[in-house]
Amino acid sequence: MRARVQLGMPLPFSVRSADKTLLLAAGQMLRDEGQFDELFERGAVVELEELKAAFGADDPLFAPRRHAEAKAIAAAVLPQRWAECTARVAAALAPEAAQRLPALALASRNLALLVQRSANLAMSQIVRPEAAGQAHYGITHAMNAAIACLVTARTLGWREDEQQRALHAALTMNLSIIDLQGRLAHQVSPLTAMQRQLIDEHPLRSAEMLEADGVDDGAWLAAVREHHETPEGKGYPNRCAPGSELSQLLRFADIYTALMSRRATRAAMSTHDAAREIYALAEGNPLCQALIKSFGVFPPGCFVRLASDEVGVVTGNGDKAYHPRVAVLALSDGQARRTPVWRDTAHEAHRIVALLSESAMPIRVSAQALASAIDGNPG
């Protein structure tokens, strides 16, 4: 807290004693270090709500509290929490949202909390098209891109405020075409001229909508405007090179997660094929490499068959890319296990021999069972 107080500048919050007696009101100033030390010795405190009002609930100051809150979420209720988060994101991105920024702050905080609770389970939402159920494609794609950006930003070691900006930008980069995306996911006919125009203009229109809603973060707005630009200047809408790493990360996350989503005209691409396509497109870009590294060769949520003929779900990365940790859900005879057993796929007897679609699984696995298996990952 000491680092947040500037001597000779107005305090952004009030300071009280342990018995709530007011010592310094918001707007007053600390003259010198001696006065600060005196307050410290008197057990000075600041109300939590005043700190949040001064610095924002997403400030790194509250990271330990958020971490404890995330860990308190039981595995059994995680699927329900994801459904609730999807509803909050839908409310925040609705075209008619009257109070978009407060709704977006709540939705993004919930999403970040779930990613912190289990990044592996968060990534499994992306690689399993069935996880989306009947949810609106525009909403699920926004969430998937945001998850991909957040886990990659953490892999890259971005500061917490940069991670939050990436999350916000990913959720809102397609704001002006959320409904159109939902319709196009079920459309089998070619794009109409009007639909093509809306798509071409959406980076600029989405940024304009955010500005109208009160967003004044220039880096967030610029990333939204530029998330379809390419280093060669062959993107859109301005055919210019993107001006930030965030713009590039948005583009890669947008494409990567879209490839793994099904449409009326095509099936979802496998994780392997999606990784190959985005890697070829990026031509060695380190941001794309970090994205692929974050998910791994076999991302969490993938169903696999082992050399033992057991089948299970990938629960997380192992020591090497091709040796993830796997929770076995069915034995070689196709019978379901009552409880998962974890296999080290670095061992020859348990190496992965096939990537399975969910429809190819010999058993049906509930969302709760998958969440428990992935969350119970002993690695």
Foldseek 3Di string as FASTA:
>chain_A
DVVVADAPFFAQFWKAAPVRHTDGGGGDGHHDVVSVVVCVVRRIDTDPVSVCVRPNPLDPVCVVVLLVVLQPDDLLCLLVLVVVLLVLLCQLLPPPNPQNPVSLSVSLSSLVSPCSSPVQVQQLCLLAQCSCPPPQPLSSLLSQLLSLQLLLCVLVVHDSVVSSLLNSLSSQLQSQCSVVSSVQLADDDDDDPVRVVCVQCRLVVSLVVVVVSPDDPPVSNLLSNQLQEDPCLPGDDRSHHRDDPSNPSSNLSSQLSVQQHHGNNGHRDHNQVSLVVSCVVVVPDVSSVSSCVSQANQGFNWWFAFLQLFIFTFQAQDPDRQFTKTWGQAHNVLHGDPATDIDGLVDNNGPTDDTDHQVPRSDHDDPSNSSCRNSVPPD
